[in-house]
Amino acid sequence: MRVGGSLGILVVLAAVAGPAGEAAYPDGRPAATLRLAASDQGVLLRHGDGPDQCDRLGAREALIFEEKGTYHLFYDGAGPRGWLACLATSRNLKDWTKQGTVLDFGKPGELDSAAACSPWVIHDGKEWHMFYLGTPNHSGGQDKVPSFPYLTMKARSGSLGGPWIKQPEVVPFRTKPGTYYADTASPGHIVKQGRQYLTFFSASMKRTLGIARTEDLNGAWTIDPQPILSPEEQIENSSLYFEPTNQTWFLFTNHIGVDGGGGEYTDAIWVYWSRDLGIWDARNKAVVLDGQNCTWSKVCIGMPSVIVVGNRLAVFYDAPAGSSTSHMGRDIGLAWLELPLSPPGP
């Protein structure tokens, strides 16, 4: 990802900030005081017409990758049987072909029997490795929203478009009672440093991000004992971009807001920055996309995923449109940042 040169970066110093510009969140959770605002293109991919009704009830959790000139957009399709990872492909980020599901539910009693979605992938030089969210539980009814525990599971493929072969024998990492990842240890962006792979995974009792490490993508990962940021930040999901001009990592993530009645929802995309992947300062953060600069969803903004396209950074996200905060009926949107990306400042 990148945000175009310094002239392409809009920096706004806000008072505090829930996405609508209120003075603070009602429960006192930290707010971002800076803005690094993306330019919103609007809805990119609408739900409802995927093969075999795979996204009839919604499309969300957009994850963008590229292979041999073709963009592969994985997303969570909410279908009649539940939520599964789906794929759409494009050569130009404008015209998309929905390919349908790339994973299926596990058998009754298996850990991904209720959902198999939100896949992050990485190529090791020989084949593609997929780390996806599996759970044996969902909310029931028509929506079938995946529910805790959120677990990281494994698949592999010779090509990004599949077919993907599940590897239930591989256990990357799991939730653990009494830790910051007691209820959620679900996949996130993977980067390689030297011989080691690092994944920035979503963790909760409260919401935060942790780092897990491995040298073997078909083996177990070791989880760092502390998260990269305090759970008070209320963030989940990760997508990283490294800016070579200033040697800075930018971590895009989903912030969880709260309304006056205590209801929580994904209210904005935030970005944190650091020159060291292992050290993050909660003061170094800004709002990228929320109801102020999104053209079609004024309250709720879902998970970000970024990729460099020419001299811009494409920011994919999901949202339910208007003033809705629903998990259902979401579409995929696209916003842009100009490169090179620089941290905003007062």
Protein backbone atom coordinates (compact mmCIF):
# COMPACT_ATOMS: atom_id res chain seq x y z
CA MET A 1 0.00 0.00 0.00
CA ARG A 2 0.98 3.53 -0.47
CA VAL A 3 -0.36 6.95 -0.05
CA GLY A 4 0.76 9.16 -2.88
CA GLY A 5 3.43 11.75 -2.36
CA SER A 6 3.21 14.38 0.28
CA LEU A 7 0.89 16.50 -1.85
CA GLY A 8 -1.50 13.58 -2.10
CA ILE A 9 -1.85 13.18 1.65
CA LEU A 10 -4.65 14.93 3.44
CA VAL A 11 -3.74 15.53 7.04
CA VAL A 12 -6.42 16.85 9.33
CA LEU A 13 -5.97 17.41 13.01
CA ALA A 14 -9.22 16.52 14.72
CA ALA A 15 -10.19 17.24 18.31
CA VAL A 16 -10.62 13.61 19.20
CA ALA A 17 -12.61 11.26 17.24
CA GLY A 18 -15.19 8.88 16.81
CA PRO A 19 -15.62 8.77 13.07
CA ALA A 20 -18.41 11.31 13.13
CA GLY A 21 -16.12 13.79 14.89
CA GLU A 22 -17.62 13.53 18.37
CA ALA A 23 -15.41 14.70 21.21
CA ALA A 24 -14.76 11.16 22.48
CA TYR A 25 -16.18 7.65 22.52
CA PRO A 26 -18.92 7.29 25.15
CA ASP A 27 -17.04 4.65 27.12
CA GLY A 28 -13.72 6.51 27.00
CA ARG A 29 -11.86 4.17 24.64
CA PRO A 30 -8.92 5.87 22.88
CA ALA A 31 -9.61 7.91 19.77
CA ALA A 32 -7.35 8.85 16.86
CA THR A 33 -6.56 12.57 16.72
CA LEU A 34 -4.97 12.65 13.25
CA ARG A 35 -6.37 11.89 9.82
CA LEU A 36 -4.56 10.38 6.85
CA ALA A 37 -7.64 10.45 4.70
CA ALA A 38 -8.08 8.18 1.71
CA SER A 39 -10.03 9.24 -1.38
CA ASP A 40 -13.04 6.95 -1.64
CA GLN A 41 -13.97 5.48 -5.02
CA GLY A 42 -17.13 3.86 -3.66
CA VAL A 43 -18.67 0.42 -4.06
CA LEU A 44 -16.51 -1.98 -6.08
CA LEU A 45 -18.25 -5.35 -5.69
CA ARG A 46 -21.88 -5.85 -4.70
CA HIS A 47 -23.17 -8.91 -2.93
CA GLY A 48 -26.04 -11.08 -4.11
CA ASP A 49 -25.16 -12.60 -7.49
CA GLY A 50 -22.29 -14.99 -6.70
CA PRO A 51 -22.31 -18.59 -8.01
CA ASP A 52 -24.60 -20.96 -6.06
CA GLN A 53 -25.86 -18.03 -3.94
CA CYS A 54 -22.46 -17.90 -2.20
CA ASP A 55 -22.84 -14.17 -1.31
CA ARG A 56 -26.62 -13.81 -1.39
CA LEU A 57 -26.74 -12.29 2.12
CA GLY A 58 -23.54 -10.25 2.06
CA ALA A 59 -19.89 -9.82 1.04
CA ARG A 60 -17.27 -8.65 3.52
CA GLU A 61 -13.67 -9.06 4.80
CA ALA A 62 -12.06 -8.11 1.46
CA LEU A 63 -8.54 -9.51 1.01
CA ILE A 64 -6.63 -8.51 -2.11
CA PHE A 65 -3.65 -10.31 -3.71
CA GLU A 66 -2.09 -10.42 -7.20
CA GLU A 67 -0.62 -13.22 -9.29
CA LYS A 68 0.67 -12.93 -12.87
CA GLY A 69 -1.22 -9.72 -13.58
CA THR A 70 -4.55 -10.94 -12.16
CA TYR A 71 -5.98 -9.49 -8.97
CA HIS A 72 -7.55 -12.05 -6.65
CA LEU A 73 -10.10 -10.65 -4.21
CA PHE A 74 -11.01 -13.11 -1.48
CA TYR A 75 -14.04 -12.17 0.57
CA ASP A 76 -16.45 -13.70 3.05
CA GLY A 77 -19.64 -14.66 1.25
CA ALA A 78 -22.72 -15.04 3.45
CA GLY A 79 -24.78 -17.76 1.79
CA PRO A 80 -27.75 -19.88 2.78
CA ARG A 81 -25.50 -22.44 4.52
CA GLY A 82 -23.26 -19.91 6.28
CA TRP A 83 -20.07 -17.96 5.65
CA LEU A 84 -17.36 -19.23 3.30
CA ALA A 85 -14.31 -17.74 1.59
CA CYS A 86 -15.22 -16.67 -1.95
CA LEU A 87 -13.08 -15.36 -4.81
CA ALA A 88 -13.50 -12.68 -7.48
CA THR A 89 -10.83 -11.96 -10.11
CA SER A 90 -9.96 -8.95 -12.26
CA ARG A 91 -7.23 -7.67 -14.56
CA ASN A 92 -8.01 -3.99 -14.03
CA LEU A 93 -9.72 -3.61 -10.60
CA LYS A 94 -12.89 -2.52 -12.44
CA ASP A 95 -14.35 -5.59 -14.12
CA TRP A 96 -14.73 -8.51 -11.72
CA THR A 97 -15.63 -12.15 -12.30
CA LYS A 98 -17.03 -13.97 -9.29
CA GLN A 99 -15.54 -17.46 -9.10
CA GLY A 100 -17.59 -18.72 -6.14
CA THR A 101 -16.35 -20.42 -2.97
CA VAL A 102 -12.76 -21.59 -2.55
CA LEU A 103 -13.32 -23.45 0.73
CA ASP A 104 -16.14 -25.60 2.07
CA PHE A 105 -17.38 -26.28 5.58
CA GLY A 106 -15.72 -28.96 7.62
CA LYS A 107 -17.64 -32.05 8.62
CA PRO A 108 -19.84 -31.95 11.75
CA GLY A 109 -17.58 -31.79 14.79
CA GLU A 110 -14.62 -30.31 12.90
CA LEU A 111 -13.27 -26.91 13.87
CA ASP A 112 -14.40 -25.22 10.64
CA SER A 113 -17.83 -26.87 10.47
CA ALA A 114 -19.70 -23.54 10.90
CA ALA A 115 -17.46 -21.19 8.86
CA ALA A 116 -14.31 -21.27 6.72
CA CYS A 117 -13.48 -17.70 5.71
CA SER A 118 -11.18 -14.64 5.93
CA PRO A 119 -8.13 -16.18 4.20
CA TRP A 120 -4.64 -14.65 4.24
CA VAL A 121 -2.17 -16.14 1.76
CA ILE A 122 1.57 -16.09 1.12
CA HIS A 123 3.80 -17.71 -1.52
CA ASP A 124 6.96 -19.46 -0.34
CA GLY A 125 8.58 -19.63 -3.79
CA LYS A 126 7.06 -23.02 -4.53
CA GLU A 127 3.39 -22.95 -3.56
CA TRP A 128 0.72 -20.81 -1.94
CA HIS A 129 -0.14 -21.16 1.73
CA MET A 130 -3.53 -20.08 3.05
CA PHE A 131 -4.37 -19.32 6.67
CA TYR A 132 -8.10 -18.98 7.17
CA LEU A 133 -10.59 -18.43 9.97
CA GLY A 134 -12.44 -21.54 11.09
CA THR A 135 -15.06 -21.96 13.80
CA PRO A 136 -17.52 -24.67 14.84
CA ASN A 137 -20.07 -22.04 15.97
CA HIS A 138 -22.38 -19.48 14.41
CA SER A 139 -25.30 -17.30 15.46
CA GLY A 140 -27.96 -19.53 13.91
CA GLY A 141 -31.02 -18.36 12.00
CA GLN A 142 -30.66 -17.06 8.49
CA ASP A 143 -27.55 -14.94 9.10
CA LYS A 144 -25.29 -17.63 10.58
CA VAL A 145 -22.66 -15.09 11.66
CA PRO A 146 -19.46 -16.90 12.77
CA SER A 147 -19.01 -16.85 16.56
CA PHE A 148 -16.19 -17.65 19.00
CA PRO A 149 -13.75 -19.26 19.04
CA TYR A 150 -12.10 -17.82 15.92
CA LEU A 151 -9.28 -20.19 14.98
CA THR A 152 -6.47 -20.10 12.42
CA MET A 153 -6.53 -23.07 10.04
CA LYS A 154 -4.41 -24.06 7.02
CA ALA A 155 -4.74 -24.90 3.30
CA ARG A 156 -2.36 -24.97 0.33
CA SER A 157 -2.49 -24.60 -3.45
CA GLY A 158 -0.25 -24.47 -6.49
CA SER A 159 -2.00 -21.31 -7.70
CA LEU A 160 -3.75 -18.40 -6.08
CA GLY A 161 -7.05 -19.30 -7.73
CA GLY A 162 -6.98 -22.81 -6.32
CA PRO A 163 -7.98 -25.53 -5.92
CA TRP A 164 -7.20 -25.15 -2.22
CA ILE A 165 -6.51 -28.30 -0.21
CA LYS A 166 -7.20 -28.14 3.51
CA GLN A 167 -4.47 -29.30 5.89
CA PRO A 168 -6.25 -30.16 9.15
CA GLU A 169 -3.10 -31.84 10.43
CA VAL A 170 -1.35 -28.44 10.54
CA VAL A 171 -2.12 -26.44 13.69
CA PRO A 172 -0.54 -22.99 13.31
CA PHE A 173 -1.72 -21.66 16.72
CA ARG A 174 -4.85 -21.73 18.86
CA THR A 175 -6.69 -19.67 21.44
CA LYS A 176 -5.48 -20.11 25.03
CA PRO A 177 -7.45 -19.40 28.24
CA GLY A 178 -6.07 -16.62 30.41
CA THR A 179 -4.14 -14.90 27.60
CA TYR A 180 -4.84 -11.89 25.41
CA TYR A 181 -5.91 -14.38 22.71
CA ALA A 182 -8.36 -16.36 24.85
CA ASP A 183 -11.32 -16.15 22.44
CA THR A 184 -9.80 -15.17 19.11
CA ALA A 185 -6.58 -16.17 17.37
CA SER A 186 -7.57 -15.58 13.76
CA PRO A 187 -5.31 -15.00 10.75
CA GLY A 188 -3.75 -11.73 9.65
CA HIS A 189 -1.18 -10.28 7.27
CA ILE A 190 1.98 -12.38 6.86
CA VAL A 191 5.42 -10.92 6.13
CA LYS A 192 8.83 -12.56 5.87
CA GLN A 193 11.92 -11.25 7.63
CA GLY A 194 15.06 -13.26 6.99
CA ARG A 195 14.14 -16.90 7.54
CA GLN A 196 11.21 -16.08 9.76
CA TYR A 197 7.56 -15.44 8.90
CA LEU A 198 5.53 -13.08 11.07
CA THR A 199 1.75 -12.91 11.09
CA PHE A 200 -0.17 -10.06 12.70
CA PHE A 201 -3.17 -11.96 13.99
CA SER A 202 -6.40 -10.77 15.61
CA ALA A 203 -6.65 -11.54 19.30
CA SER A 204 -9.27 -11.04 21.97
CA MET A 205 -10.63 -11.09 25.18
CA LYS A 206 -10.68 -7.41 24.31
CA ARG A 207 -9.56 -6.72 20.76
CA THR A 208 -5.96 -6.26 19.73
CA LEU A 209 -3.25 -7.62 17.43
CA GLY A 210 -0.49 -10.03 18.28
CA ILE A 211 2.51 -11.42 16.42
CA ALA A 212 3.06 -15.14 15.80
CA ARG A 213 6.33 -16.40 14.31
CA THR A 214 7.52 -19.46 12.41
CA GLU A 215 10.21 -20.64 9.98
CA ASP A 216 7.95 -23.43 8.67
CA LEU A 217 4.62 -22.49 7.06
CA ASN A 218 3.48 -26.09 7.51
CA GLY A 219 4.45 -26.12 11.17
CA ALA A 220 3.51 -24.51 14.46
CA TRP A 221 3.88 -20.79 15.18
CA THR A 222 5.15 -19.20 18.40
CA ILE A 223 2.99 -16.37 19.74
CA ASP A 224 4.63 -13.34 21.34
CA PRO A 225 3.65 -13.11 25.03
CA GLN A 226 2.28 -9.55 24.70
CA PRO A 227 0.18 -7.90 21.98
CA ILE A 228 1.69 -5.18 19.82
CA LEU A 229 -0.76 -2.59 21.23
CA SER A 230 -2.96 -2.37 24.29
CA PRO A 231 -6.36 -4.06 23.98
CA GLU A 232 -7.78 -0.68 24.97
CA GLU A 233 -7.13 0.41 21.37
CA GLN A 234 -10.03 -1.83 20.25
CA ILE A 235 -8.64 -2.89 16.87
CA GLU A 236 -8.82 -6.09 14.82
CA ASN A 237 -7.46 -7.42 11.50
CA SER A 238 -4.23 -6.25 9.87
CA SER A 239 -2.83 -5.27 6.50
CA LEU A 240 0.74 -4.01 6.19
CA TYR A 241 2.58 -1.80 3.75
CA PHE A 242 6.30 -0.93 3.83
CA GLU A 243 7.29 2.49 2.50
CA PRO A 244 10.87 2.27 1.19
CA THR A 245 11.40 6.05 0.91
CA ASN A 246 11.27 6.49 4.70
CA GLN A 247 11.77 2.89 5.87
CA THR A 248 8.41 2.90 7.66
CA TRP A 249 5.82 0.17 8.17
CA PHE A 250 2.17 1.19 7.98
CA LEU A 251 -0.34 -1.14 9.63
CA PHE A 252 -3.94 -0.70 8.48
CA THR A 253 -6.56 -2.08 10.83
CA ASN A 254 -10.24 -1.97 11.70
CA HIS A 255 -11.28 0.12 14.69
CA ILE A 256 -14.25 -0.89 16.82
CA GLY A 257 -16.44 1.98 17.96
CA VAL A 258 -19.37 2.14 20.35
CA ASP A 259 -22.64 4.03 20.23
CA GLY A 260 -24.44 5.78 23.08
CA GLY A 261 -26.29 2.59 23.97
CA GLY A 262 -23.13 0.49 24.25
CA GLY A 263 -23.50 -1.25 20.90
CA GLU A 264 -20.17 -1.98 19.19
CA TYR A 265 -19.47 -1.98 15.46
CA THR A 266 -16.61 -1.45 13.00
CA ASP A 267 -16.57 2.34 12.64
CA ALA A 268 -13.32 3.18 10.83
CA ILE A 269 -10.08 2.12 9.23
CA TRP A 270 -7.10 3.29 11.25
CA VAL A 271 -3.40 3.18 10.41
CA TYR A 272 -0.43 2.88 12.80
CA TRP A 273 3.19 3.42 11.75
CA SER A 274 6.57 2.22 12.97
CA ARG A 275 10.11 1.63 11.69
CA ASP A 276 10.32 -1.59 13.68
CA LEU A 277 7.80 -4.41 13.10
CA GLY A 278 8.15 -5.46 16.72
CA ILE A 279 7.63 -2.04 18.33
CA TRP A 280 4.39 -0.05 17.94
CA ASP A 281 3.38 3.15 19.72
CA ALA A 282 -0.36 3.75 20.17
CA ARG A 283 0.23 7.50 19.79
CA ASN A 284 1.30 6.98 16.17
CA LYS A 285 -2.08 6.46 14.57
CA ALA A 286 -4.57 8.18 12.27
CA VAL A 287 -8.00 7.69 10.72
CA VAL A 288 -7.88 6.59 7.07
CA LEU A 289 -11.56 6.02 6.26
CA ASP A 290 -14.74 6.61 8.23
CA GLY A 291 -18.15 8.20 7.78
CA GLN A 292 -16.58 11.58 7.01
CA ASN A 293 -14.82 10.54 3.81
CA CYS A 294 -16.63 7.34 2.77
CA THR A 295 -19.10 8.24 0.03
CA TRP A 296 -21.71 5.56 0.71
CA SER A 297 -21.48 4.23 4.28
CA LYS A 298 -21.72 6.94 6.93
CA VAL A 299 -21.46 4.96 10.17
CA CYS A 300 -19.90 1.54 9.62
CA ILE A 301 -16.63 0.72 7.81
CA GLY A 302 -15.24 -2.83 7.73
CA MET A 303 -11.86 -4.55 7.52
CA PRO A 304 -9.08 -3.06 5.32
CA SER A 305 -6.72 -4.79 2.91
CA VAL A 306 -4.14 -2.92 0.83
CA ILE A 307 -2.08 -3.41 -2.31
CA VAL A 308 0.18 -1.15 -4.38
CA VAL A 309 -1.25 -0.23 -7.79
CA GLY A 310 1.08 2.00 -9.80
CA ASN A 311 1.84 5.08 -7.72
CA ARG A 312 -1.11 4.61 -5.39
CA LEU A 313 -2.13 2.35 -2.54
CA ALA A 314 -5.51 0.66 -3.02
CA VAL A 315 -7.49 0.22 0.19
CA PHE A 316 -10.23 -2.41 0.01
CA TYR A 317 -12.92 -2.54 2.70
CA ASP A 318 -16.52 -3.61 3.33
CA ALA A 319 -19.54 -1.65 4.54
CA PRO A 320 -23.33 -1.98 4.84
CA ALA A 321 -24.21 1.47 3.36
CA GLY A 322 -26.10 4.43 4.81
CA SER A 323 -26.44 4.46 8.60
CA SER A 324 -26.53 0.67 8.99
CA THR A 325 -24.12 -1.17 11.29
CA SER A 326 -25.34 -4.65 10.32
CA HIS A 327 -23.05 -7.62 9.76
CA MET A 328 -25.26 -8.52 6.82
CA GLY A 329 -25.93 -6.99 3.42
CA ARG A 330 -22.43 -5.58 3.08
CA ASP A 331 -20.63 -4.77 -0.16
CA ILE A 332 -16.93 -4.28 -0.99
CA GLY A 333 -15.58 -0.75 -1.46
CA LEU A 334 -12.31 0.74 -2.70
CA ALA A 335 -10.44 3.86 -1.59
CA TRP A 336 -7.03 5.25 -2.59
CA LEU A 337 -3.95 6.75 -0.96
CA GLU A 338 -1.15 8.37 -2.95
CA LEU A 339 2.45 7.26 -2.67
CA PRO A 340 4.96 7.62 -1.17
CA LEU A 341 3.27 7.33 2.19
CA SER A 342 4.41 9.53 5.07
CA PRO A 343 3.18 9.65 8.67
CA PRO A 344 0.83 12.58 9.32
CA GLY A 345 1.72 15.13 11.94
CA PRO A 346 0.24 18.17 13.68
